[in-house]
Amino acid sequence: MSAARERPGIRGASPSGLARRRPEPDIEWILSDHEYTSWEREFDFAVMTGHAFQVLLGDDELSGAPAGVRAAPTDNGRFGLETRDPLARERESWTTVAPVDVPGPGADGSGALRTNRQVRSADRDIVSFRTGLTLPGEHAPRDSDSSLRFLHAERLDAFLTEAVPVVEERYGDRDRGPPTDAGPEIITAARRTPA
């Protein structure tokens, strides 16, 4: 999501059709992704949230993204992203032995979900896994296969150098702690030119 100078408010691009599922009056949702947008210096802050950066699996996808990332922020605008830090090795604990019950939104926990995850393969920096989700009233899980790319900070910086080369802030967690080998995240804010 990004805030624009000329059009106050928030605009978001979602390849998943989020706009149709959850319309919000203060957000203009566009069904798209970085490959199909033509924003040109429109945003004060453009961000890829929810570890979306990790779905850029191939080098071709990764090398194609900088043009869109570079075009979106204003001259003084910034680009932010979060990605899981491979040094934390979080993915090694993703396979669940037994399904996990997640309490529902009801005051008594009603509407609970049951989930499980199984890592199918880990090939260099790509981890493929299957997530099963059983909704209330259902007896069998709905399975979803996914893959994510885990880039080390150096490879991430090589990507950023092509798009928004000035890294202003880097954190290792959501509390703005410094990056460490055990930190779960690589959270970065960068800009096109020095402030």
N, C-alpha and C. Protein backbone atom coordinates (compact mmCIF):
# COMPACT_ATOMS: atom_id res chain seq x y z
N MET A 1 0.84 -1.18 0.00
CA MET A 1 0.00 0.00 0.00
C MET A 1 0.88 1.23 0.00
N SER A 2 0.38 2.29 -0.55
CA SER A 2 1.19 3.48 -0.68
C SER A 2 0.34 4.73 -0.58
N ALA A 3 0.90 5.76 -0.02
CA ALA A 3 0.19 7.03 0.08
C ALA A 3 0.68 7.94 -1.03
N ALA A 4 -0.22 8.54 -1.74
CA ALA A 4 0.14 9.40 -2.87
C ALA A 4 -0.01 10.86 -2.49
N ARG A 5 0.85 11.71 -3.06
CA ARG A 5 0.77 13.15 -2.80
C ARG A 5 -0.45 13.77 -3.47
N GLU A 6 -0.60 13.50 -4.76
CA GLU A 6 -1.67 14.15 -5.51
C GLU A 6 -3.05 13.64 -5.10
N ARG A 7 -3.13 12.38 -4.73
CA ARG A 7 -4.40 11.78 -4.32
C ARG A 7 -4.24 11.28 -2.91
N PRO A 8 -4.55 12.12 -1.92
CA PRO A 8 -4.40 11.66 -0.55
C PRO A 8 -5.19 10.38 -0.32
N GLY A 9 -4.65 9.53 0.49
CA GLY A 9 -5.29 8.26 0.77
C GLY A 9 -4.32 7.12 0.54
N ILE A 10 -4.85 5.96 0.46
CA ILE A 10 -4.02 4.77 0.31
C ILE A 10 -4.47 4.01 -0.91
N ARG A 11 -3.50 3.57 -1.70
CA ARG A 11 -3.76 2.71 -2.84
C ARG A 11 -2.98 1.43 -2.65
N GLY A 12 -3.57 0.33 -3.00
CA GLY A 12 -2.90 -0.95 -2.88
C GLY A 12 -3.09 -1.77 -4.13
N ALA A 13 -2.06 -2.55 -4.46
CA ALA A 13 -2.14 -3.47 -5.58
C ALA A 13 -2.09 -4.88 -5.01
N SER A 14 -3.01 -5.72 -5.44
CA SER A 14 -3.06 -7.08 -4.94
C SER A 14 -3.35 -8.03 -6.09
N PRO A 15 -2.45 -9.01 -6.30
CA PRO A 15 -2.74 -9.99 -7.34
C PRO A 15 -3.79 -11.01 -6.91
N SER A 16 -4.15 -10.97 -5.64
CA SER A 16 -5.07 -11.99 -5.11
C SER A 16 -6.53 -11.59 -5.14
N GLY A 17 -6.84 -10.40 -5.59
CA GLY A 17 -8.23 -9.98 -5.62
C GLY A 17 -8.75 -9.59 -4.25
N LEU A 18 -7.86 -9.13 -3.37
CA LEU A 18 -8.24 -8.72 -2.02
C LEU A 18 -9.34 -7.67 -2.04
N ALA A 19 -9.31 -6.81 -3.04
CA ALA A 19 -10.30 -5.74 -3.12
C ALA A 19 -11.72 -6.28 -3.19
N ARG A 20 -11.91 -7.36 -3.88
CA ARG A 20 -13.26 -7.91 -4.01
C ARG A 20 -13.71 -8.58 -2.72
N ARG A 21 -12.77 -9.13 -1.96
CA ARG A 21 -13.14 -9.84 -0.74
C ARG A 21 -13.36 -8.91 0.44
N ARG A 22 -12.58 -7.84 0.50
CA ARG A 22 -12.63 -6.96 1.66
C ARG A 22 -12.59 -5.51 1.23
N PRO A 23 -13.65 -4.98 0.66
CA PRO A 23 -13.61 -3.58 0.24
C PRO A 23 -13.51 -2.66 1.46
N GLU A 24 -12.70 -1.63 1.35
CA GLU A 24 -12.54 -0.67 2.42
C GLU A 24 -12.70 0.73 1.83
N PRO A 25 -13.46 1.60 2.48
CA PRO A 25 -13.76 2.90 1.89
C PRO A 25 -12.54 3.80 1.72
N ASP A 26 -11.50 3.65 2.54
CA ASP A 26 -10.34 4.53 2.47
C ASP A 26 -9.21 3.98 1.62
N ILE A 27 -9.42 2.81 1.02
CA ILE A 27 -8.36 2.18 0.23
C ILE A 27 -8.86 1.91 -1.18
N GLU A 28 -8.10 2.36 -2.15
CA GLU A 28 -8.39 2.06 -3.54
C GLU A 28 -7.55 0.84 -3.90
N TRP A 29 -8.20 -0.31 -4.11
CA TRP A 29 -7.50 -1.54 -4.45
C TRP A 29 -7.46 -1.72 -5.96
N ILE A 30 -6.31 -2.12 -6.45
CA ILE A 30 -6.11 -2.38 -7.87
C ILE A 30 -5.71 -3.84 -8.00
N LEU A 31 -6.41 -4.58 -8.83
CA LEU A 31 -6.08 -5.97 -9.06
C LEU A 31 -4.89 -6.01 -10.01
N SER A 32 -3.69 -6.24 -9.46
CA SER A 32 -2.48 -6.19 -10.26
C SER A 32 -1.31 -6.66 -9.43
N ASP A 33 -0.14 -6.64 -10.01
CA ASP A 33 1.10 -6.88 -9.28
C ASP A 33 2.18 -6.01 -9.89
N HIS A 34 3.42 -6.17 -9.44
CA HIS A 34 4.49 -5.27 -9.87
C HIS A 34 4.74 -5.33 -11.38
N GLU A 35 4.40 -6.42 -12.04
CA GLU A 35 4.68 -6.55 -13.46
C GLU A 35 3.68 -5.78 -14.33
N TYR A 36 2.50 -5.50 -13.80
CA TYR A 36 1.44 -4.95 -14.64
C TYR A 36 1.00 -3.56 -14.21
N THR A 37 1.77 -2.91 -13.41
CA THR A 37 1.42 -1.55 -13.02
C THR A 37 2.31 -0.58 -13.77
N SER A 38 1.82 0.63 -13.95
CA SER A 38 2.61 1.63 -14.67
C SER A 38 2.68 2.92 -13.86
N TRP A 39 2.92 2.78 -12.56
CA TRP A 39 3.05 3.96 -11.73
C TRP A 39 4.38 4.64 -12.02
N GLU A 40 4.36 5.94 -12.04
CA GLU A 40 5.58 6.69 -12.29
C GLU A 40 5.71 7.79 -11.25
N ARG A 41 6.55 7.57 -10.27
CA ARG A 41 6.85 8.53 -9.21
C ARG A 41 5.58 9.07 -8.55
N GLU A 42 4.69 8.15 -8.14
CA GLU A 42 3.41 8.55 -7.58
C GLU A 42 3.32 8.41 -6.07
N PHE A 43 4.24 7.70 -5.43
CA PHE A 43 4.04 7.35 -4.03
C PHE A 43 5.15 7.86 -3.13
N ASP A 44 4.74 8.35 -1.96
CA ASP A 44 5.72 8.75 -0.95
C ASP A 44 6.36 7.52 -0.31
N PHE A 45 5.56 6.47 -0.20
CA PHE A 45 6.09 5.23 0.38
C PHE A 45 5.39 4.06 -0.29
N ALA A 46 6.15 3.22 -0.94
CA ALA A 46 5.62 2.00 -1.56
C ALA A 46 6.20 0.82 -0.78
N VAL A 47 5.37 -0.14 -0.45
CA VAL A 47 5.84 -1.24 0.40
C VAL A 47 5.27 -2.57 -0.08
N MET A 48 6.09 -3.59 0.02
CA MET A 48 5.64 -4.97 -0.20
C MET A 48 5.49 -5.58 1.19
N THR A 49 4.26 -5.87 1.59
CA THR A 49 4.01 -6.39 2.93
C THR A 49 3.81 -7.90 2.92
N GLY A 50 3.70 -8.44 4.11
CA GLY A 50 3.36 -9.86 4.25
C GLY A 50 4.37 -10.79 3.60
N HIS A 51 5.63 -10.39 3.59
CA HIS A 51 6.68 -11.21 2.98
C HIS A 51 6.42 -11.47 1.49
N ALA A 52 5.68 -10.59 0.84
CA ALA A 52 5.35 -10.77 -0.58
C ALA A 52 6.61 -10.86 -1.44
N PHE A 53 7.68 -10.23 -1.03
CA PHE A 53 8.92 -10.27 -1.78
C PHE A 53 9.41 -11.70 -1.99
N GLN A 54 9.09 -12.58 -1.06
CA GLN A 54 9.58 -13.95 -1.12
C GLN A 54 8.93 -14.79 -2.20
N VAL A 55 7.85 -14.32 -2.81
CA VAL A 55 7.22 -15.09 -3.88
C VAL A 55 7.91 -14.85 -5.23
N LEU A 56 8.87 -13.94 -5.28
CA LEU A 56 9.68 -13.76 -6.49
C LEU A 56 10.73 -14.86 -6.48
N LEU A 57 10.38 -15.99 -7.10
CA LEU A 57 11.19 -17.20 -6.95
C LEU A 57 12.39 -17.27 -7.89
N GLY A 58 12.22 -16.87 -9.12
CA GLY A 58 13.29 -17.01 -10.09
C GLY A 58 14.12 -15.76 -10.23
N ASP A 59 15.34 -15.93 -10.71
CA ASP A 59 16.19 -14.77 -10.95
C ASP A 59 15.56 -13.83 -11.98
N ASP A 60 14.80 -14.39 -12.94
CA ASP A 60 14.14 -13.55 -13.93
C ASP A 60 13.07 -12.67 -13.29
N GLU A 61 12.31 -13.24 -12.36
CA GLU A 61 11.30 -12.44 -11.64
C GLU A 61 11.98 -11.38 -10.78
N LEU A 62 13.04 -11.77 -10.12
CA LEU A 62 13.75 -10.85 -9.24
C LEU A 62 14.39 -9.73 -10.04
N SER A 63 14.96 -10.04 -11.20
CA SER A 63 15.60 -9.00 -11.99
C SER A 63 14.56 -8.12 -12.70
N GLY A 64 13.33 -8.62 -12.89
CA GLY A 64 12.29 -7.81 -13.52
C GLY A 64 11.62 -6.85 -12.56
N ALA A 65 11.71 -7.11 -11.27
CA ALA A 65 11.03 -6.29 -10.28
C ALA A 65 11.63 -4.90 -10.08
N PRO A 66 12.96 -4.69 -10.20
CA PRO A 66 13.50 -3.37 -9.90
C PRO A 66 12.89 -2.22 -10.70
N ALA A 67 12.54 -2.44 -11.95
CA ALA A 67 11.98 -1.35 -12.75
C ALA A 67 10.68 -0.84 -12.13
N GLY A 68 9.80 -1.76 -11.72
CA GLY A 68 8.55 -1.35 -11.09
C GLY A 68 8.77 -0.71 -9.73
N VAL A 69 9.70 -1.27 -8.98
CA VAL A 69 10.00 -0.73 -7.65
C VAL A 69 10.60 0.66 -7.79
N ARG A 70 11.50 0.84 -8.73
CA ARG A 70 12.16 2.14 -8.92
C ARG A 70 11.17 3.20 -9.41
N ALA A 71 10.20 2.81 -10.23
CA ALA A 71 9.27 3.77 -10.80
C ALA A 71 8.23 4.27 -9.81
N ALA A 72 7.85 3.47 -8.83
CA ALA A 72 6.72 3.81 -7.96
C ALA A 72 6.97 5.00 -7.02
N PRO A 73 8.08 5.07 -6.27
CA PRO A 73 8.25 6.19 -5.34
C PRO A 73 8.52 7.52 -6.03
N THR A 74 8.10 8.61 -5.38
CA THR A 74 8.46 9.96 -5.84
C THR A 74 9.97 10.11 -5.74
N ASP A 75 10.50 11.25 -6.21
CA ASP A 75 11.95 11.46 -6.13
C ASP A 75 12.46 11.35 -4.69
N ASN A 76 11.66 11.81 -3.74
CA ASN A 76 12.04 11.71 -2.33
C ASN A 76 11.35 10.54 -1.63
N GLY A 77 10.63 9.74 -2.39
CA GLY A 77 9.87 8.63 -1.81
C GLY A 77 10.76 7.45 -1.42
N ARG A 78 10.16 6.54 -0.68
CA ARG A 78 10.90 5.37 -0.20
C ARG A 78 10.16 4.09 -0.58
N PHE A 79 10.91 3.01 -0.55
CA PHE A 79 10.38 1.67 -0.80
C PHE A 79 10.74 0.80 0.39
N GLY A 80 9.76 0.05 0.87
CA GLY A 80 10.02 -0.83 2.00
C GLY A 80 9.61 -2.25 1.70
N LEU A 81 10.28 -3.19 2.35
CA LEU A 81 9.91 -4.59 2.22
C LEU A 81 10.35 -5.34 3.46
N GLU A 82 9.71 -6.47 3.65
CA GLU A 82 10.09 -7.39 4.71
C GLU A 82 10.25 -8.77 4.10
N THR A 83 11.23 -9.47 4.57
CA THR A 83 11.46 -10.84 4.13
C THR A 83 12.01 -11.62 5.31
N ARG A 84 11.75 -12.89 5.33
CA ARG A 84 12.27 -13.70 6.42
C ARG A 84 13.78 -13.87 6.23
N ASP A 85 14.51 -13.79 7.33
CA ASP A 85 15.96 -13.92 7.28
C ASP A 85 16.34 -15.40 7.26
N PRO A 86 17.01 -15.87 6.20
CA PRO A 86 17.36 -17.29 6.14
C PRO A 86 18.32 -17.72 7.24
N LEU A 87 19.08 -16.78 7.81
CA LEU A 87 20.01 -17.13 8.88
C LEU A 87 19.28 -17.60 10.14
N ALA A 88 18.02 -17.17 10.32
CA ALA A 88 17.24 -17.58 11.50
C ALA A 88 16.78 -19.03 11.39
N ARG A 89 16.75 -19.58 10.17
CA ARG A 89 16.41 -20.98 9.91
C ARG A 89 15.01 -21.35 10.41
N GLU A 90 14.10 -20.37 10.40
CA GLU A 90 12.72 -20.57 10.86
C GLU A 90 12.02 -21.70 10.11
N ARG A 91 12.31 -21.82 8.84
CA ARG A 91 11.62 -22.81 8.00
C ARG A 91 11.88 -24.24 8.45
N GLU A 92 12.93 -24.46 9.21
CA GLU A 92 13.23 -25.81 9.68
C GLU A 92 12.21 -26.32 10.69
N SER A 93 11.44 -25.42 11.27
CA SER A 93 10.41 -25.82 12.24
C SER A 93 9.00 -25.74 11.66
N TRP A 94 8.88 -25.58 10.35
CA TRP A 94 7.57 -25.42 9.74
C TRP A 94 6.75 -26.70 9.68
N THR A 95 7.38 -27.83 9.55
CA THR A 95 6.61 -29.07 9.47
C THR A 95 5.99 -29.36 10.82
N THR A 96 4.67 -29.50 10.85
CA THR A 96 3.97 -29.81 12.09
C THR A 96 3.74 -31.31 12.18
N VAL A 97 3.97 -31.87 13.35
CA VAL A 97 3.77 -33.30 13.57
C VAL A 97 2.28 -33.60 13.63
N ALA A 98 1.55 -32.74 14.33
CA ALA A 98 0.10 -32.89 14.46
C ALA A 98 -0.54 -31.56 14.08
N PRO A 99 -1.78 -31.57 13.61
CA PRO A 99 -2.46 -30.31 13.29
C PRO A 99 -2.50 -29.37 14.50
N VAL A 100 -2.48 -28.09 14.23
CA VAL A 100 -2.50 -27.07 15.27
C VAL A 100 -3.85 -26.37 15.22
N ASP A 101 -4.51 -26.26 16.38
CA ASP A 101 -5.78 -25.55 16.45
C ASP A 101 -5.52 -24.07 16.71
N VAL A 102 -6.14 -23.23 15.89
CA VAL A 102 -6.02 -21.79 16.02
C VAL A 102 -7.37 -21.27 16.52
N PRO A 103 -7.40 -20.62 17.71
CA PRO A 103 -8.69 -20.15 18.24
C PRO A 103 -9.39 -19.22 17.27
N GLY A 104 -10.71 -19.31 17.25
CA GLY A 104 -11.51 -18.48 16.37
C GLY A 104 -11.75 -17.11 16.97
N PRO A 105 -12.44 -16.25 16.25
CA PRO A 105 -12.65 -14.87 16.69
C PRO A 105 -13.70 -14.72 17.78
N GLY A 106 -14.51 -15.76 18.03
CA GLY A 106 -15.55 -15.66 19.06
C GLY A 106 -14.94 -15.51 20.45
N ALA A 107 -15.68 -14.89 21.37
CA ALA A 107 -15.19 -14.68 22.73
C ALA A 107 -14.81 -15.99 23.39
N ASP A 108 -15.48 -17.07 23.02
CA ASP A 108 -15.18 -18.38 23.59
C ASP A 108 -14.23 -19.20 22.72
N GLY A 109 -13.66 -18.55 21.69
CA GLY A 109 -12.75 -19.25 20.79
C GLY A 109 -13.46 -20.02 19.69
N SER A 110 -14.77 -19.82 19.60
CA SER A 110 -15.52 -20.55 18.57
C SER A 110 -15.07 -20.11 17.18
N GLY A 111 -15.27 -20.98 16.24
CA GLY A 111 -14.83 -20.72 14.87
C GLY A 111 -13.37 -21.05 14.68
N ALA A 112 -12.86 -21.96 15.54
CA ALA A 112 -11.44 -22.30 15.46
C ALA A 112 -11.09 -22.98 14.14
N LEU A 113 -9.88 -22.74 13.69
CA LEU A 113 -9.34 -23.35 12.49
C LEU A 113 -8.32 -24.40 12.91
N ARG A 114 -8.12 -25.35 12.06
CA ARG A 114 -7.08 -26.35 12.28
C ARG A 114 -6.12 -26.26 11.10
N THR A 115 -4.84 -26.17 11.39
CA THR A 115 -3.86 -26.02 10.32
C THR A 115 -2.68 -26.96 10.53
N ASN A 116 -2.07 -27.31 9.43
CA ASN A 116 -0.83 -28.07 9.48
C ASN A 116 0.03 -27.67 8.30
N ARG A 117 1.33 -27.90 8.40
CA ARG A 117 2.25 -27.52 7.32
C ARG A 117 3.31 -28.60 7.19
N GLN A 118 3.66 -28.89 5.96
CA GLN A 118 4.70 -29.88 5.69
C GLN A 118 5.65 -29.32 4.64
N VAL A 119 6.93 -29.21 5.00
CA VAL A 119 7.93 -28.79 4.04
C VAL A 119 8.14 -29.93 3.06
N ARG A 120 7.99 -29.64 1.78
CA ARG A 120 8.12 -30.67 0.74
C ARG A 120 9.54 -30.74 0.19
N SER A 121 10.18 -29.59 0.07
CA SER A 121 11.57 -29.56 -0.40
C SER A 121 12.22 -28.24 0.00
N ALA A 122 13.52 -28.30 0.14
CA ALA A 122 14.33 -27.10 0.40
C ALA A 122 15.55 -27.20 -0.49
N ASP A 123 15.53 -26.45 -1.58
CA ASP A 123 16.60 -26.51 -2.57
C ASP A 123 17.30 -25.16 -2.60
N ARG A 124 18.46 -25.08 -2.03
CA ARG A 124 19.23 -23.86 -1.89
C ARG A 124 18.40 -22.79 -1.19
N ASP A 125 17.89 -21.80 -1.92
CA ASP A 125 17.15 -20.73 -1.25
C ASP A 125 15.64 -20.79 -1.48
N ILE A 126 15.14 -21.87 -2.10
CA ILE A 126 13.70 -22.04 -2.34
C ILE A 126 13.16 -23.14 -1.42
N VAL A 127 12.14 -22.80 -0.65
CA VAL A 127 11.48 -23.78 0.21
C VAL A 127 10.05 -23.96 -0.30
N SER A 128 9.68 -25.21 -0.59
CA SER A 128 8.32 -25.54 -1.04
C SER A 128 7.62 -26.29 0.07
N PHE A 129 6.35 -25.95 0.29
CA PHE A 129 5.62 -26.55 1.41
C PHE A 129 4.14 -26.65 1.08
N ARG A 130 3.46 -27.51 1.82
CA ARG A 130 2.01 -27.67 1.70
C ARG A 130 1.39 -27.26 3.04
N THR A 131 0.38 -26.40 2.95
CA THR A 131 -0.37 -25.98 4.14
C THR A 131 -1.77 -26.55 4.04
N GLY A 132 -2.22 -27.18 5.10
CA GLY A 132 -3.59 -27.67 5.17
C GLY A 132 -4.38 -26.82 6.13
N LEU A 133 -5.57 -26.44 5.75
CA LEU A 133 -6.43 -25.61 6.59
C LEU A 133 -7.81 -26.25 6.64
N THR A 134 -8.26 -26.57 7.84
CA THR A 134 -9.59 -27.13 8.03
C THR A 134 -10.46 -26.06 8.68
N LEU A 135 -11.51 -25.66 7.98
CA LEU A 135 -12.41 -24.62 8.45
C LEU A 135 -13.46 -25.21 9.39
N PRO A 136 -14.10 -24.39 10.22
CA PRO A 136 -15.14 -24.89 11.10
C PRO A 136 -16.22 -25.64 10.32
N GLY A 137 -16.61 -26.79 10.80
CA GLY A 137 -17.64 -27.58 10.17
C GLY A 137 -17.14 -28.49 9.06
N GLU A 138 -15.87 -28.40 8.73
CA GLU A 138 -15.31 -29.27 7.69
C GLU A 138 -14.50 -30.39 8.35
N HIS A 139 -14.41 -31.50 7.66
CA HIS A 139 -13.70 -32.65 8.23
C HIS A 139 -12.36 -32.92 7.55
N ALA A 140 -12.18 -32.41 6.35
CA ALA A 140 -10.94 -32.63 5.62
C ALA A 140 -10.27 -31.27 5.36
N PRO A 141 -8.94 -31.23 5.39
CA PRO A 141 -8.25 -29.95 5.15
C PRO A 141 -8.28 -29.55 3.68
N ARG A 142 -8.23 -28.27 3.46
CA ARG A 142 -8.02 -27.71 2.13
C ARG A 142 -6.51 -27.49 2.02
N ASP A 143 -5.88 -28.13 1.04
CA ASP A 143 -4.44 -28.05 0.90
C ASP A 143 -4.04 -26.98 -0.10
N SER A 144 -2.93 -26.33 0.20
CA SER A 144 -2.39 -25.30 -0.68
C SER A 144 -0.88 -25.49 -0.75
N ASP A 145 -0.35 -25.60 -1.97
CA ASP A 145 1.09 -25.73 -2.16
C ASP A 145 1.68 -24.36 -2.46
N SER A 146 2.81 -24.07 -1.80
CA SER A 146 3.46 -22.77 -1.95
C SER A 146 4.96 -22.95 -1.98
N SER A 147 5.63 -21.94 -2.50
CA SER A 147 7.08 -21.88 -2.47
C SER A 147 7.50 -20.46 -2.14
N LEU A 148 8.55 -20.33 -1.37
CA LEU A 148 9.09 -19.02 -0.99
C LEU A 148 10.60 -19.03 -1.18
N ARG A 149 11.14 -17.87 -1.50
CA ARG A 149 12.58 -17.73 -1.66
C ARG A 149 13.15 -17.00 -0.45
N PHE A 150 14.21 -17.54 0.09
CA PHE A 150 14.88 -16.96 1.25
C PHE A 150 16.21 -16.36 0.79
N LEU A 151 16.26 -15.05 0.63
CA LEU A 151 17.48 -14.37 0.20
C LEU A 151 18.26 -13.84 1.39
N HIS A 152 19.56 -14.04 1.36
CA HIS A 152 20.43 -13.44 2.37
C HIS A 152 20.50 -11.93 2.11
N ALA A 153 20.88 -11.18 3.12
CA ALA A 153 20.92 -9.72 3.04
C ALA A 153 21.77 -9.24 1.86
N GLU A 154 22.87 -9.92 1.58
CA GLU A 154 23.75 -9.48 0.48
C GLU A 154 23.02 -9.58 -0.87
N ARG A 155 22.29 -10.65 -1.09
CA ARG A 155 21.55 -10.83 -2.35
C ARG A 155 20.40 -9.83 -2.43
N LEU A 156 19.75 -9.58 -1.30
CA LEU A 156 18.69 -8.58 -1.23
C LEU A 156 19.25 -7.20 -1.60
N ASP A 157 20.42 -6.87 -1.08
CA ASP A 157 21.02 -5.58 -1.38
C ASP A 157 21.39 -5.46 -2.85
N ALA A 158 21.79 -6.56 -3.48
CA ALA A 158 22.09 -6.53 -4.91
C ALA A 158 20.82 -6.17 -5.69
N PHE A 159 19.68 -6.72 -5.29
CA PHE A 159 18.40 -6.37 -5.91
C PHE A 159 18.10 -4.88 -5.69
N LEU A 160 18.25 -4.43 -4.45
CA LEU A 160 17.93 -3.04 -4.13
C LEU A 160 18.83 -2.06 -4.87
N THR A 161 20.09 -2.42 -5.09
CA THR A 161 21.03 -1.54 -5.78
C THR A 161 20.50 -1.17 -7.16
N GLU A 162 19.81 -2.09 -7.81
CA GLU A 162 19.25 -1.81 -9.14
C GLU A 162 18.02 -0.92 -9.06
N ALA A 163 17.31 -0.95 -7.94
CA ALA A 163 16.01 -0.27 -7.85
C ALA A 163 16.07 1.00 -7.02
N VAL A 164 16.35 0.87 -5.77
CA VAL A 164 16.39 1.99 -4.83
C VAL A 164 17.66 1.83 -3.99
N PRO A 165 18.79 2.34 -4.48
CA PRO A 165 20.09 1.94 -3.96
C PRO A 165 20.47 2.45 -2.57
N VAL A 166 19.75 3.43 -2.02
CA VAL A 166 20.15 3.99 -0.74
C VAL A 166 19.34 3.34 0.38
N VAL A 167 19.94 2.37 1.07
CA VAL A 167 19.28 1.72 2.20
C VAL A 167 19.38 2.66 3.40
N GLU A 168 18.23 3.13 3.87
CA GLU A 168 18.21 4.07 5.00
C GLU A 168 18.04 3.37 6.34
N GLU A 169 17.21 2.33 6.34
CA GLU A 169 16.94 1.64 7.60
C GLU A 169 16.93 0.14 7.35
N ARG A 170 17.43 -0.61 8.31
CA ARG A 170 17.39 -2.08 8.23
C ARG A 170 17.22 -2.59 9.65
N TYR A 171 16.23 -3.46 9.81
CA TYR A 171 15.92 -4.04 11.12
C TYR A 171 15.88 -5.55 11.02
N GLY A 172 16.05 -6.19 12.16
CA GLY A 172 16.02 -7.65 12.22
C GLY A 172 14.73 -8.19 12.79
N ASP A 173 13.86 -7.30 13.26
CA ASP A 173 12.57 -7.73 13.79
C ASP A 173 11.59 -6.56 13.75
N ARG A 174 10.36 -6.83 14.12
CA ARG A 174 9.31 -5.80 14.03
C ARG A 174 9.38 -4.78 15.17
N ASP A 175 10.27 -5.00 16.13
CA ASP A 175 10.48 -4.03 17.19
C ASP A 175 11.64 -3.09 16.87
N ARG A 176 12.09 -3.12 15.62
CA ARG A 176 13.21 -2.30 15.13
C ARG A 176 14.54 -2.67 15.77
N GLY A 177 14.67 -3.93 16.14
CA GLY A 177 15.95 -4.41 16.64
C GLY A 177 16.94 -4.54 15.49
N PRO A 178 18.23 -4.53 15.80
CA PRO A 178 19.23 -4.64 14.74
C PRO A 178 19.22 -6.03 14.10
N PRO A 179 19.66 -6.13 12.86
CA PRO A 179 19.76 -7.45 12.23
C PRO A 179 20.78 -8.31 12.97
N THR A 180 20.43 -9.56 13.22
CA THR A 180 21.34 -10.51 13.85
C THR A 180 21.14 -11.85 13.15
N ASP A 181 22.04 -12.81 13.41
CA ASP A 181 21.90 -14.14 12.82
C ASP A 181 20.64 -14.83 13.30
N ALA A 182 20.14 -14.45 14.47
CA ALA A 182 18.94 -15.10 15.02
C ALA A 182 17.67 -14.30 14.76
N GLY A 183 17.81 -13.09 14.22
CA GLY A 183 16.63 -12.25 13.96
C GLY A 183 15.75 -12.88 12.90
N PRO A 184 14.43 -12.84 13.08
CA PRO A 184 13.55 -13.51 12.13
C PRO A 184 13.35 -12.77 10.81
N GLU A 185 13.64 -11.49 10.76
CA GLU A 185 13.28 -10.68 9.60
C GLU A 185 14.47 -9.92 9.03
N ILE A 186 14.32 -9.51 7.78
CA ILE A 186 15.15 -8.46 7.19
C ILE A 186 14.15 -7.41 6.73
N ILE A 187 14.03 -6.34 7.49
CA ILE A 187 13.08 -5.27 7.18
C ILE A 187 13.90 -4.08 6.69
N THR A 188 13.56 -3.60 5.50
CA THR A 188 14.39 -2.59 4.85
C THR A 188 13.54 -1.44 4.34
N ALA A 189 14.04 -0.22 4.54
CA ALA A 189 13.47 0.97 3.90
C ALA A 189 14.59 1.61 3.10
N ALA A 190 14.35 1.84 1.82
CA ALA A 190 15.39 2.39 0.94
C ALA A 190 14.77 3.48 0.07
N ARG A 191 15.64 4.30 -0.50
CA ARG A 191 15.16 5.36 -1.39
C ARG A 191 16.05 5.44 -2.61
N ARG A 192 15.54 6.13 -3.60
CA ARG A 192 16.22 6.26 -4.89
C ARG A 192 17.49 7.11 -4.77
N THR A 193 17.40 8.22 -4.02
CA THR A 193 18.52 9.13 -3.86
C THR A 193 18.68 9.48 -2.38
N PRO A 194 19.87 9.90 -1.96
CA PRO A 194 20.05 10.28 -0.56
C PRO A 194 19.11 11.41 -0.17
N ALA A 195 18.66 11.42 1.08
CA ALA A 195 17.74 12.46 1.56
C ALA A 195 18.46 13.78 1.72
